[in-house]
Amino acid sequence: PIMGFKHLPAIDVLLMPRQDEPPMGAGESASVPGPAAIANAL
């Protein structure tokens, strides 16, 4: 089971302006706080 497009919410992405820092990647990092945020909203 994967959520279909018609069930996806509006998603806003805010990128921190850190051009003076080394690149740290954007892979799985955005996933990590998700379940906790959902549990807190519940």
Full PDB file with SEQRES, HELIX, SHEET, SSBOND, CRYST1, ORIGX, SCALE, CONECT and MASTER records, all heavy atoms in Angstrom:
SEQRES   1 A   42  PRO ILE MET GLY PHE LYS HIS LEU PRO ALA ILE ASP VAL          
SEQRES   2 A   42  LEU LEU MET PRO ARG GLN ASP GLU PRO PRO MET GLY ALA          
SEQRES   3 A   42  GLY GLU SER ALA SER VAL PRO GLY PRO ALA ALA ILE ALA          
SEQRES   4 A   42  ASN ALA LEU                                                  
HELIX    1 AA1 PHE A    5  HIS A    7  5                                   3    
HELIX    2 AA2 GLU A   28  SER A   31  5                                   4    
HELIX    3 AA3 GLY A   34  ALA A   41  1                                   8    
CRYST1    1.000    1.000    1.000  90.00  90.00  90.00 P 1           1          
ORIGX1      1.000000  0.000000  0.000000        0.00000                         
ORIGX2      0.000000  1.000000  0.000000        0.00000                         
ORIGX3      0.000000  0.000000  1.000000        0.00000                         
SCALE1      1.000000  0.000000  0.000000        0.00000                         
SCALE2      0.000000  1.000000  0.000000        0.00000                         
SCALE3      0.000000  0.000000  1.000000        0.00000                         
ATOM      1  N   PRO A   1       0.825  -1.220   0.000  1.00  0.00           N  
ATOM      2  CA  PRO A   1       0.000   0.000   0.000  1.00  0.00           C  
ATOM      3  C   PRO A   1       0.855   1.265   0.000  1.00  0.00           C  
ATOM      4  O   PRO A   1       1.764   1.416   0.803  1.00  0.00           O  
ATOM      5  CB  PRO A   1      -0.777  -0.123   1.315  1.00  0.00           C  
ATOM      6  CG  PRO A   1       0.133  -0.898   2.208  1.00  0.00           C  
ATOM      7  CD  PRO A   1       0.919  -1.827   1.311  1.00  0.00           C  
ATOM      8  N   ILE A   2       0.569   2.126  -0.923  1.00  0.00           N  
ATOM      9  CA  ILE A   2       1.221   3.430  -0.940  1.00  0.00           C  
ATOM     10  C   ILE A   2       0.143   4.474  -1.222  1.00  0.00           C  
ATOM     11  O   ILE A   2      -0.809   4.217  -1.952  1.00  0.00           O  
ATOM     12  CB  ILE A   2       2.377   3.500  -1.962  1.00  0.00           C  
ATOM     13  CG1 ILE A   2       3.195   4.774  -1.755  1.00  0.00           C  
ATOM     14  CG2 ILE A   2       1.877   3.375  -3.384  1.00  0.00           C  
ATOM     15  CD1 ILE A   2       4.574   4.721  -2.341  1.00  0.00           C  
ATOM     16  N   MET A   3       0.276   5.609  -0.602  1.00  0.00           N  
ATOM     17  CA  MET A   3      -0.725   6.659  -0.736  1.00  0.00           C  
ATOM     18  C   MET A   3      -0.767   7.162  -2.175  1.00  0.00           C  
ATOM     19  O   MET A   3       0.260   7.494  -2.752  1.00  0.00           O  
ATOM     20  CB  MET A   3      -0.387   7.799   0.226  1.00  0.00           C  
ATOM     21  CG  MET A   3      -1.474   8.818   0.342  1.00  0.00           C  
ATOM     22  SD  MET A   3      -1.183   9.929   1.726  1.00  0.00           S  
ATOM     23  CE  MET A   3      -1.639   8.884   3.090  1.00  0.00           C  
ATOM     24  N   GLY A   4      -1.962   7.216  -2.738  1.00  0.00           N  
ATOM     25  CA  GLY A   4      -2.130   7.716  -4.093  1.00  0.00           C  
ATOM     26  C   GLY A   4      -2.130   9.229  -4.137  1.00  0.00           C  
ATOM     27  O   GLY A   4      -2.337   9.903  -3.123  1.00  0.00           O  
ATOM     28  N   PHE A   5      -1.913   9.777  -5.325  1.00  0.00           N  
ATOM     29  CA  PHE A   5      -1.817  11.217  -5.486  1.00  0.00           C  
ATOM     30  C   PHE A   5      -3.071  11.947  -5.007  1.00  0.00           C  
ATOM     31  O   PHE A   5      -2.977  13.031  -4.449  1.00  0.00           O  
ATOM     32  CB  PHE A   5      -1.533  11.579  -6.942  1.00  0.00           C  
ATOM     33  CG  PHE A   5      -0.121  11.281  -7.349  1.00  0.00           C  
ATOM     34  CD1 PHE A   5       0.141  10.342  -8.320  1.00  0.00           C  
ATOM     35  CD2 PHE A   5       0.935  11.943  -6.760  1.00  0.00           C  
ATOM     36  CE1 PHE A   5       1.443  10.063  -8.690  1.00  0.00           C  
ATOM     37  CE2 PHE A   5       2.243  11.669  -7.114  1.00  0.00           C  
ATOM     38  CZ  PHE A   5       2.500  10.717  -8.093  1.00  0.00           C  
ATOM     39  N   LYS A   6      -4.248  11.362  -5.202  1.00  0.00           N  
ATOM     40  CA  LYS A   6      -5.470  12.073  -4.811  1.00  0.00           C  
ATOM     41  C   LYS A   6      -5.601  12.196  -3.294  1.00  0.00           C  
ATOM     42  O   LYS A   6      -6.377  13.014  -2.813  1.00  0.00           O  
ATOM     43  CB  LYS A   6      -6.709  11.422  -5.418  1.00  0.00           C  
ATOM     44  CG  LYS A   6      -7.077  10.088  -4.847  1.00  0.00           C  
ATOM     45  CD  LYS A   6      -8.332   9.557  -5.521  1.00  0.00           C  
ATOM     46  CE  LYS A   6      -8.762   8.258  -4.884  1.00  0.00           C  
ATOM     47  NZ  LYS A   6     -10.004   7.776  -5.435  1.00  0.00           N  
ATOM     48  N   HIS A   7      -4.828  11.405  -2.532  1.00  0.00           N  
ATOM     49  CA  HIS A   7      -4.878  11.485  -1.070  1.00  0.00           C  
ATOM     50  C   HIS A   7      -3.713  12.277  -0.474  1.00  0.00           C  
ATOM     51  O   HIS A   7      -3.645  12.454   0.729  1.00  0.00           O  
ATOM     52  CB  HIS A   7      -4.917  10.083  -0.459  1.00  0.00           C  
ATOM     53  CG  HIS A   7      -6.187   9.370  -0.770  1.00  0.00           C  
ATOM     54  ND1 HIS A   7      -6.239   8.311  -1.648  1.00  0.00           N  
ATOM     55  CD2 HIS A   7      -7.444   9.585  -0.363  1.00  0.00           C  
ATOM     56  CE1 HIS A   7      -7.484   7.901  -1.749  1.00  0.00           C  
ATOM     57  NE2 HIS A   7      -8.242   8.663  -0.984  1.00  0.00           N  
ATOM     58  N   LEU A   8      -2.787  12.698  -1.324  1.00  0.00           N  
ATOM     59  CA  LEU A   8      -1.653  13.471  -0.813  1.00  0.00           C  
ATOM     60  C   LEU A   8      -2.101  14.883  -0.459  1.00  0.00           C  
ATOM     61  O   LEU A   8      -2.867  15.507  -1.188  1.00  0.00           O  
ATOM     62  CB  LEU A   8      -0.533  13.542  -1.845  1.00  0.00           C  
ATOM     63  CG  LEU A   8       0.308  12.288  -1.991  1.00  0.00           C  
ATOM     64  CD1 LEU A   8       1.305  12.453  -3.126  1.00  0.00           C  
ATOM     65  CD2 LEU A   8       1.025  11.966  -0.697  1.00  0.00           C  
ATOM     66  N   PRO A   9      -1.594  15.394   0.652  1.00  0.00           N  
ATOM     67  CA  PRO A   9      -1.940  16.761   1.055  1.00  0.00           C  
ATOM     68  C   PRO A   9      -1.067  17.771   0.319  1.00  0.00           C  
ATOM     69  O   PRO A   9      -0.138  17.414  -0.403  1.00  0.00           O  
ATOM     70  CB  PRO A   9      -1.578  16.752   2.543  1.00  0.00           C  
ATOM     71  CG  PRO A   9      -0.388  15.841   2.596  1.00  0.00           C  
ATOM     72  CD  PRO A   9      -0.705  14.739   1.615  1.00  0.00           C  
ATOM     73  N   ALA A  10      -1.366  19.025   0.567  1.00  0.00           N  
ATOM     74  CA  ALA A  10      -0.460  20.086   0.125  1.00  0.00           C  
ATOM     75  C   ALA A  10       0.838  19.923   0.910  1.00  0.00           C  
ATOM     76  O   ALA A  10       0.822  19.694   2.118  1.00  0.00           O  
ATOM     77  CB  ALA A  10      -1.083  21.451   0.407  1.00  0.00           C  
ATOM     78  N   ILE A  11       1.961  19.996   0.216  1.00  0.00           N  
ATOM     79  CA  ILE A  11       3.278  19.839   0.847  1.00  0.00           C  
ATOM     80  C   ILE A  11       4.099  21.074   0.517  1.00  0.00           C  
ATOM     81  O   ILE A  11       4.363  21.355  -0.649  1.00  0.00           O  
ATOM     82  CB  ILE A  11       4.010  18.578   0.341  1.00  0.00           C  
ATOM     83  CG1 ILE A  11       3.173  17.329   0.580  1.00  0.00           C  
ATOM     84  CG2 ILE A  11       5.386  18.463   0.989  1.00  0.00           C  
ATOM     85  CD1 ILE A  11       3.672  16.100  -0.156  1.00  0.00           C  
ATOM     86  N   ASP A  12       4.470  21.821   1.552  1.00  0.00           N  
ATOM     87  CA  ASP A  12       5.331  22.985   1.376  1.00  0.00           C  
ATOM     88  C   ASP A  12       6.717  22.630   1.890  1.00  0.00           C  
ATOM     89  O   ASP A  12       6.847  22.081   2.985  1.00  0.00           O  
ATOM     90  CB  ASP A  12       4.800  24.186   2.165  1.00  0.00           C  
ATOM     91  CG  ASP A  12       3.456  24.663   1.662  1.00  0.00           C  
ATOM     92  OD1 ASP A  12       3.249  24.684   0.443  1.00  0.00           O  
ATOM     93  OD2 ASP A  12       2.610  25.010   2.510  1.00  0.00           O  
ATOM     94  N   VAL A  13       7.733  22.951   1.110  1.00  0.00           N  
ATOM     95  CA  VAL A  13       9.109  22.660   1.490  1.00  0.00           C  
ATOM     96  C   VAL A  13       9.852  23.979   1.658  1.00  0.00           C  
ATOM     97  O   VAL A  13       9.868  24.812   0.750  1.00  0.00           O  
ATOM     98  CB  VAL A  13       9.812  21.791   0.428  1.00  0.00           C  
ATOM     99  CG1 VAL A  13      11.267  21.549   0.813  1.00  0.00           C  
ATOM    100  CG2 VAL A  13       9.069  20.469   0.239  1.00  0.00           C  
ATOM    101  N   LEU A  14      10.431  24.155   2.838  1.00  0.00           N  
ATOM    102  CA  LEU A  14      11.241  25.338   3.121  1.00  0.00           C  
ATOM    103  C   LEU A  14      12.696  24.891   3.266  1.00  0.00           C  
ATOM    104  O   LEU A  14      13.020  24.097   4.159  1.00  0.00           O  
ATOM    105  CB  LEU A  14      10.778  25.997   4.416  1.00  0.00           C  
ATOM    106  CG  LEU A  14       9.309  26.392   4.467  1.00  0.00           C  
ATOM    107  CD1 LEU A  14       8.927  26.868   5.855  1.00  0.00           C  
ATOM    108  CD2 LEU A  14       9.016  27.461   3.444  1.00  0.00           C  
ATOM    109  N   LEU A  15      13.545  25.387   2.400  1.00  0.00           N  
ATOM    110  CA  LEU A  15      14.967  25.031   2.442  1.00  0.00           C  
ATOM    111  C   LEU A  15      15.736  26.122   3.174  1.00  0.00           C  
ATOM    112  O   LEU A  15      15.567  27.307   2.888  1.00  0.00           O  
ATOM    113  CB  LEU A  15      15.516  24.868   1.024  1.00  0.00           C  
ATOM    114  CG  LEU A  15      14.829  23.811   0.166  1.00  0.00           C  
ATOM    115  CD1 LEU A  15      15.430  23.797  -1.231  1.00  0.00           C  
ATOM    116  CD2 LEU A  15      14.934  22.447   0.821  1.00  0.00           C  
ATOM    117  N   MET A  16      16.553  25.700   4.124  1.00  0.00           N  
ATOM    118  CA  MET A  16      17.367  26.666   4.866  1.00  0.00           C  
ATOM    119  C   MET A  16      18.488  27.172   3.957  1.00  0.00           C  
ATOM    120  O   MET A  16      19.157  26.376   3.299  1.00  0.00           O  
ATOM    121  CB  MET A  16      17.973  26.006   6.109  1.00  0.00           C  
ATOM    122  CG  MET A  16      16.948  25.551   7.121  1.00  0.00           C  
ATOM    123  SD  MET A  16      15.939  26.882   7.767  1.00  0.00           S  
ATOM    124  CE  MET A  16      17.164  27.861   8.592  1.00  0.00           C  
ATOM    125  N   PRO A  17      18.732  28.470   3.938  1.00  0.00           N  
ATOM    126  CA  PRO A  17      19.794  29.018   3.095  1.00  0.00           C  
ATOM    127  C   PRO A  17      21.153  28.855   3.784  1.00  0.00           C  
ATOM    128  O   PRO A  17      21.580  29.715   4.553  1.00  0.00           O  
ATOM    129  CB  PRO A  17      19.391  30.486   2.947  1.00  0.00           C  
ATOM    130  CG  PRO A  17      18.629  30.792   4.204  1.00  0.00           C  
ATOM    131  CD  PRO A  17      17.941  29.506   4.587  1.00  0.00           C  
ATOM    132  N   ARG A  18      21.823  27.772   3.523  1.00  0.00           N  
ATOM    133  CA  ARG A  18      23.118  27.469   4.156  1.00  0.00           C  
ATOM    134  C   ARG A  18      24.187  27.231   3.090  1.00  0.00           C  
ATOM    135  O   ARG A  18      24.908  26.239   3.144  1.00  0.00           O  
ATOM    136  CB  ARG A  18      22.989  26.228   5.037  1.00  0.00           C  
ATOM    137  CG  ARG A  18      21.893  26.292   6.055  1.00  0.00           C  
ATOM    138  CD  ARG A  18      22.425  26.797   7.353  1.00  0.00           C  
ATOM    139  NE  ARG A  18      21.436  26.531   8.399  1.00  0.00           N  
ATOM    140  CZ  ARG A  18      21.072  27.423   9.273  1.00  0.00           C  
ATOM    141  NH1 ARG A  18      21.637  28.610   9.275  1.00  0.00           N  
ATOM    142  NH2 ARG A  18      20.175  27.139  10.180  1.00  0.00           N  
ATOM    143  N   GLN A  19      24.286  28.107   2.133  1.00  0.00           N  
ATOM    144  CA  GLN A  19      25.210  27.913   1.027  1.00  0.00           C  
ATOM    145  C   GLN A  19      26.674  27.966   1.457  1.00  0.00           C  
ATOM    146  O   GLN A  19      27.553  27.549   0.716  1.00  0.00           O  
ATOM    147  CB  GLN A  19      24.940  28.939  -0.083  1.00  0.00           C  
ATOM    148  CG  GLN A  19      23.577  28.769  -0.754  1.00  0.00           C  
ATOM    149  CD  GLN A  19      23.360  27.371  -1.309  1.00  0.00           C  
ATOM    150  OE1 GLN A  19      22.774  26.525  -0.653  1.00  0.00           O  
ATOM    151  NE2 GLN A  19      23.852  27.128  -2.505  1.00  0.00           N  
ATOM    152  N   ASP A  20      26.944  28.433   2.672  1.00  0.00           N  
ATOM    153  CA  ASP A  20      28.315  28.478   3.174  1.00  0.00           C  
ATOM    154  C   ASP A  20      28.705  27.190   3.900  1.00  0.00           C  
ATOM    155  O   ASP A  20      29.831  27.057   4.376  1.00  0.00           O  
ATOM    156  CB  ASP A  20      28.501  29.685   4.096  1.00  0.00           C  
ATOM    157  CG  ASP A  20      27.526  29.695   5.261  1.00  0.00           C  
ATOM    158  OD1 ASP A  20      26.420  29.105   5.133  1.00  0.00           O  
ATOM    159  OD2 ASP A  20      27.846  30.291   6.306  1.00  0.00           O  
ATOM    160  N   GLU A  21      27.784  26.231   3.983  1.00  0.00           N  
ATOM    161  CA  GLU A  21      28.032  24.945   4.657  1.00  0.00           C  
ATOM    162  C   GLU A  21      28.249  23.857   3.613  1.00  0.00           C  
ATOM    163  O   GLU A  21      27.793  23.970   2.478  1.00  0.00           O  
ATOM    164  CB  GLU A  21      26.825  24.566   5.529  1.00  0.00           C  
ATOM    165  CG  GLU A  21      26.525  25.540   6.644  1.00  0.00           C  
ATOM    166  CD  GLU A  21      27.574  25.521   7.742  1.00  0.00           C  
ATOM    167  OE1 GLU A  21      28.145  24.436   7.998  1.00  0.00           O  
ATOM    168  OE2 GLU A  21      27.820  26.583   8.332  1.00  0.00           O  
ATOM    169  N   PRO A  22      28.913  22.762   3.994  1.00  0.00           N  
ATOM    170  CA  PRO A  22      29.045  21.648   3.035  1.00  0.00           C  
ATOM    171  C   PRO A  22      27.682  21.004   2.783  1.00  0.00           C  
ATOM    172  O   PRO A  22      26.808  21.019   3.657  1.00  0.00           O  
ATOM    173  CB  PRO A  22      29.989  20.669   3.745  1.00  0.00           C  
ATOM    174  CG  PRO A  22      30.016  21.073   5.163  1.00  0.00           C  
ATOM    175  CD  PRO A  22      29.603  22.510   5.248  1.00  0.00           C  
ATOM    176  N   PRO A  23      27.471  20.425   1.594  1.00  0.00           N  
ATOM    177  CA  PRO A  23      26.210  19.741   1.322  1.00  0.00           C  
ATOM    178  C   PRO A  23      26.087  18.480   2.191  1.00  0.00           C  
ATOM    179  O   PRO A  23      27.046  17.746   2.356  1.00  0.00           O  
ATOM    180  CB  PRO A  23      26.285  19.406  -0.167  1.00  0.00           C  
ATOM    181  CG  PRO A  23      27.725  19.485  -0.528  1.00  0.00           C  
ATOM    182  CD  PRO A  23      28.383  20.392   0.460  1.00  0.00           C  
ATOM    183  N   MET A  24      24.902  18.268   2.780  1.00  0.00           N  
ATOM    184  CA  MET A  24      24.701  17.124   3.683  1.00  0.00           C  
ATOM    185  C   MET A  24      23.739  16.083   3.120  1.00  0.00           C  
ATOM    186  O   MET A  24      23.412  15.126   3.776  1.00  0.00           O  
ATOM    187  CB  MET A  24      24.169  17.613   5.028  1.00  0.00           C  
ATOM    188  CG  MET A  24      25.140  18.474   5.795  1.00  0.00           C  
ATOM    189  SD  MET A  24      24.539  18.883   7.429  1.00  0.00           S  
ATOM    190  CE  MET A  24      23.327  20.141   7.086  1.00  0.00           C  
ATOM    191  N   GLY A  25      23.220  16.299   1.919  1.00  0.00           N  
ATOM    192  CA  GLY A  25      22.296  15.343   1.330  1.00  0.00           C  
ATOM    193  C   GLY A  25      20.869  15.589   1.764  1.00  0.00           C  
ATOM    194  O   GLY A  25      20.612  16.217   2.785  1.00  0.00           O  
ATOM    195  N   ALA A  26      19.935  15.085   0.959  1.00  0.00           N  
ATOM    196  CA  ALA A  26      18.519  15.288   1.253  1.00  0.00           C  
ATOM    197  C   ALA A  26      17.738  13.991   1.096  1.00  0.00           C  
ATOM    198  O   ALA A  26      16.537  14.025   0.921  1.00  0.00           O  
ATOM    199  CB  ALA A  26      17.955  16.357   0.324  1.00  0.00           C  
ATOM    200  N   GLY A  27      18.405  12.874   1.151  1.00  0.00           N  
ATOM    201  CA  GLY A  27      17.729  11.590   0.975  1.00  0.00           C  
ATOM    202  C   GLY A  27      16.709  11.313   2.045  1.00  0.00           C  
ATOM    203  O   GLY A  27      15.667  11.951   2.116  1.00  0.00           O  
ATOM    204  N   GLU A  28      17.005  10.368   2.911  1.00  0.00           N  
ATOM    205  CA  GLU A  28      16.045   9.922   3.917  1.00  0.00           C  
ATOM    206  C   GLU A  28      15.823  10.912   5.047  1.00  0.00           C  
ATOM    207  O   GLU A  28      14.917  10.734   5.855  1.00  0.00           O  
ATOM    208  CB  GLU A  28      16.500   8.587   4.520  1.00  0.00           C  
ATOM    209  CG  GLU A  28      16.486   7.443   3.546  1.00  0.00           C  
ATOM    210  CD  GLU A  28      17.745   7.352   2.696  1.00  0.00           C  
ATOM    211  OE1 GLU A  28      18.653   8.197   2.862  1.00  0.00           O  
ATOM    212  OE2 GLU A  28      17.821   6.461   1.853  1.00  0.00           O  
ATOM    213  N   SER A  29      16.604  11.945   5.134  1.00  0.00           N  
ATOM    214  CA  SER A  29      16.528  12.858   6.277  1.00  0.00           C  
ATOM    215  C   SER A  29      15.138  13.452   6.467  1.00  0.00           C  
ATOM    216  O   SER A  29      14.684  13.624   7.598  1.00  0.00           O  
ATOM    217  CB  SER A  29      17.558  13.979   6.135  1.00  0.00           C  
ATOM    218  OG  SER A  29      17.362  14.673   4.919  1.00  0.00           O  
ATOM    219  N   ALA A  30      14.428  13.749   5.392  1.00  0.00           N  
ATOM    220  CA  ALA A  30      13.103  14.352   5.522  1.00  0.00           C  
ATOM    221  C   ALA A  30      12.083  13.369   6.074  1.00  0.00           C  
ATOM    222  O   ALA A  30      11.032  13.778   6.554  1.00  0.00           O  
ATOM    223  CB  ALA A  30      12.628  14.895   4.177  1.00  0.00           C  
ATOM    224  N   SER A  31      12.375  12.085   6.025  1.00  0.00           N  
ATOM    225  CA  SER A  31      11.440  11.069   6.533  1.00  0.00           C  
ATOM    226  C   SER A  31      11.488  10.922   8.047  1.00  0.00           C  
ATOM    227  O   SER A  31      10.488  10.547   8.660  1.00  0.00           O  
ATOM    228  CB  SER A  31      11.762   9.706   5.918  1.00  0.00           C  
ATOM    229  OG  SER A  31      11.658   9.747   4.526  1.00  0.00           O  
ATOM    230  N   VAL A  32      12.615  11.198   8.643  1.00  0.00           N  
ATOM    231  CA  VAL A  32      12.851  10.840  10.048  1.00  0.00           C  
ATOM    232  C   VAL A  32      11.814  11.441  11.014  1.00  0.00           C  
ATOM    233  O   VAL A  32      11.273  10.724  11.850  1.00  0.00           O  
ATOM    234  CB  VAL A  32      14.293  11.179  10.464  1.00  0.00           C  
ATOM    235  CG1 VAL A  32      14.536  10.850  11.917  1.00  0.00           C  
ATOM    236  CG2 VAL A  32      15.287  10.421   9.584  1.00  0.00           C  
ATOM    237  N   PRO A  33      11.469  12.732  10.951  1.00  0.00           N  
ATOM    238  CA  PRO A  33      10.519  13.264  11.936  1.00  0.00           C  
ATOM    239  C   PRO A  33       9.053  12.980  11.625  1.00  0.00           C  
ATOM    240  O   PRO A  33       8.180  13.279  12.440  1.00  0.00           O  
ATOM    241  CB  PRO A  33      10.790  14.766  11.920  1.00  0.00           C  
ATOM    242  CG  PRO A  33      11.319  15.036  10.561  1.00  0.00           C  
ATOM    243  CD  PRO A  33      12.076  13.801  10.148  1.00  0.00           C  
ATOM    244  N   GLY A  34       8.744  12.395  10.466  1.00  0.00           N  
ATOM    245  CA  GLY A  34       7.361  12.220  10.047  1.00  0.00           C  
ATOM    246  C   GLY A  34       6.466  11.465  11.012  1.00  0.00           C  
ATOM    247  O   GLY A  34       5.412  11.989  11.425  1.00  0.00           O  
ATOM    248  N   PRO A  35       6.807  10.226  11.403  1.00  0.00           N  
ATOM    249  CA  PRO A  35       5.911   9.496  12.312  1.00  0.00           C  
ATOM    250  C   PRO A  35       5.687  10.199  13.644  1.00  0.00           C  
ATOM    251  O   PRO A  35       4.576  10.179  14.180  1.00  0.00           O  
ATOM    252  CB  PRO A  35       6.628   8.153  12.504  1.00  0.00           C  
ATOM    253  CG  PRO A  35       7.465   7.998  11.276  1.00  0.00           C  
ATOM    254  CD  PRO A  35       7.905   9.397  10.921  1.00  0.00           C  
ATOM    255  N   ALA A  36       6.708  10.861  14.171  1.00  0.00           N  
ATOM    256  CA  ALA A  36       6.542  11.583  15.439  1.00  0.00           C  
ATOM    257  C   ALA A  36       5.601  12.770  15.266  1.00  0.00           C  
ATOM    258  O   ALA A  36       4.759  13.035  16.130  1.00  0.00           O  
ATOM    259  CB  ALA A  36       7.898  12.044  15.969  1.00  0.00           C  
ATOM    260  N   ALA A  37       5.725  13.490  14.148  1.00  0.00           N  
ATOM    261  CA  ALA A  37       4.821  14.615  13.896  1.00  0.00           C  
ATOM    262  C   ALA A  37       3.385  14.129  13.756  1.00  0.00           C  
ATOM    263  O   ALA A  37       2.451  14.759  14.279  1.00  0.00           O  
ATOM    264  CB  ALA A  37       5.260  15.373  12.643  1.00  0.00           C  
ATOM    265  N   ILE A  38       3.190  12.998  13.075  1.00  0.00           N  
ATOM    266  CA  ILE A  38       1.846  12.430  12.930  1.00  0.00           C  
ATOM    267  C   ILE A  38       1.298  12.037  14.300  1.00  0.00           C  
ATOM    268  O   ILE A  38       0.145  12.344  14.636  1.00  0.00           O  
ATOM    269  CB  ILE A  38       1.853  11.239  11.965  1.00  0.00           C  
ATOM    270  CG1 ILE A  38       2.214  11.703  10.551  1.00  0.00           C  
ATOM    271  CG2 ILE A  38       0.497  10.529  11.970  1.00  0.00           C  
ATOM    272  CD1 ILE A  38       2.554  10.579   9.597  1.00  0.00           C  
ATOM    273  N   ALA A  39       2.113  11.358  15.107  1.00  0.00           N  
ATOM    274  CA  ALA A  39       1.671  10.958  16.449  1.00  0.00           C  
ATOM    275  C   ALA A  39       1.321  12.177  17.294  1.00  0.00           C  
ATOM    276  O   ALA A  39       0.330  12.160  18.041  1.00  0.00           O  
ATOM    277  CB  ALA A  39       2.743  10.117  17.136  1.00  0.00           C  
ATOM    278  N   ASN A  40       2.102  13.240  17.184  1.00  0.00           N  
ATOM    279  CA  ASN A  40       1.799  14.460  17.937  1.00  0.00           C  
ATOM    280  C   ASN A  40       0.505  15.111  17.448  1.00  0.00           C  
ATOM    281  O   ASN A  40      -0.280  15.624  18.250  1.00  0.00           O  
ATOM    282  CB  ASN A  40       2.968  15.440  17.858  1.00  0.00           C  
ATOM    283  CG  ASN A  40       4.159  14.977  18.673  1.00  0.00           C  
ATOM    284  OD1 ASN A  40       4.010  14.220  19.627  1.00  0.00           O  
ATOM    285  ND2 ASN A  40       5.347  15.419  18.299  1.00  0.00           N  
ATOM    286  N   ALA A  41       0.256  15.090  16.152  1.00  0.00           N  
ATOM    287  CA  ALA A  41      -0.994  15.635  15.615  1.00  0.00           C  
ATOM    288  C   ALA A  41      -2.179  14.779  16.058  1.00  0.00           C  
ATOM    289  O   ALA A  41      -3.253  15.315  16.354  1.00  0.00           O  
ATOM    290  CB  ALA A  41      -0.923  15.718  14.095  1.00  0.00           C  
ATOM    291  N   LEU A  42      -1.986  13.468  16.119  1.00  0.00           N  
ATOM    292  CA  LEU A  42      -3.060  12.594  16.606  1.00  0.00           C  
ATOM    293  C   LEU A  42      -3.376  12.890  18.068  1.00  0.00           C  
ATOM    294  O   LEU A  42      -4.544  12.877  18.469  1.00  0.00           O  
ATOM    295  CB  LEU A  42      -2.681  11.125  16.428  1.00  0.00           C  
ATOM    296  CG  LEU A  42      -2.821  10.591  15.013  1.00  0.00           C  
ATOM    297  CD1 LEU A  42      -2.213   9.203  14.909  1.00  0.00           C  
ATOM    298  CD2 LEU A  42      -4.275  10.584  14.579  1.00  0.00           C  
TER     299      LEU A  42                                                      
MASTER        0    0    0    3    0    0    0    6  298    1    0    4          
END                                                                             
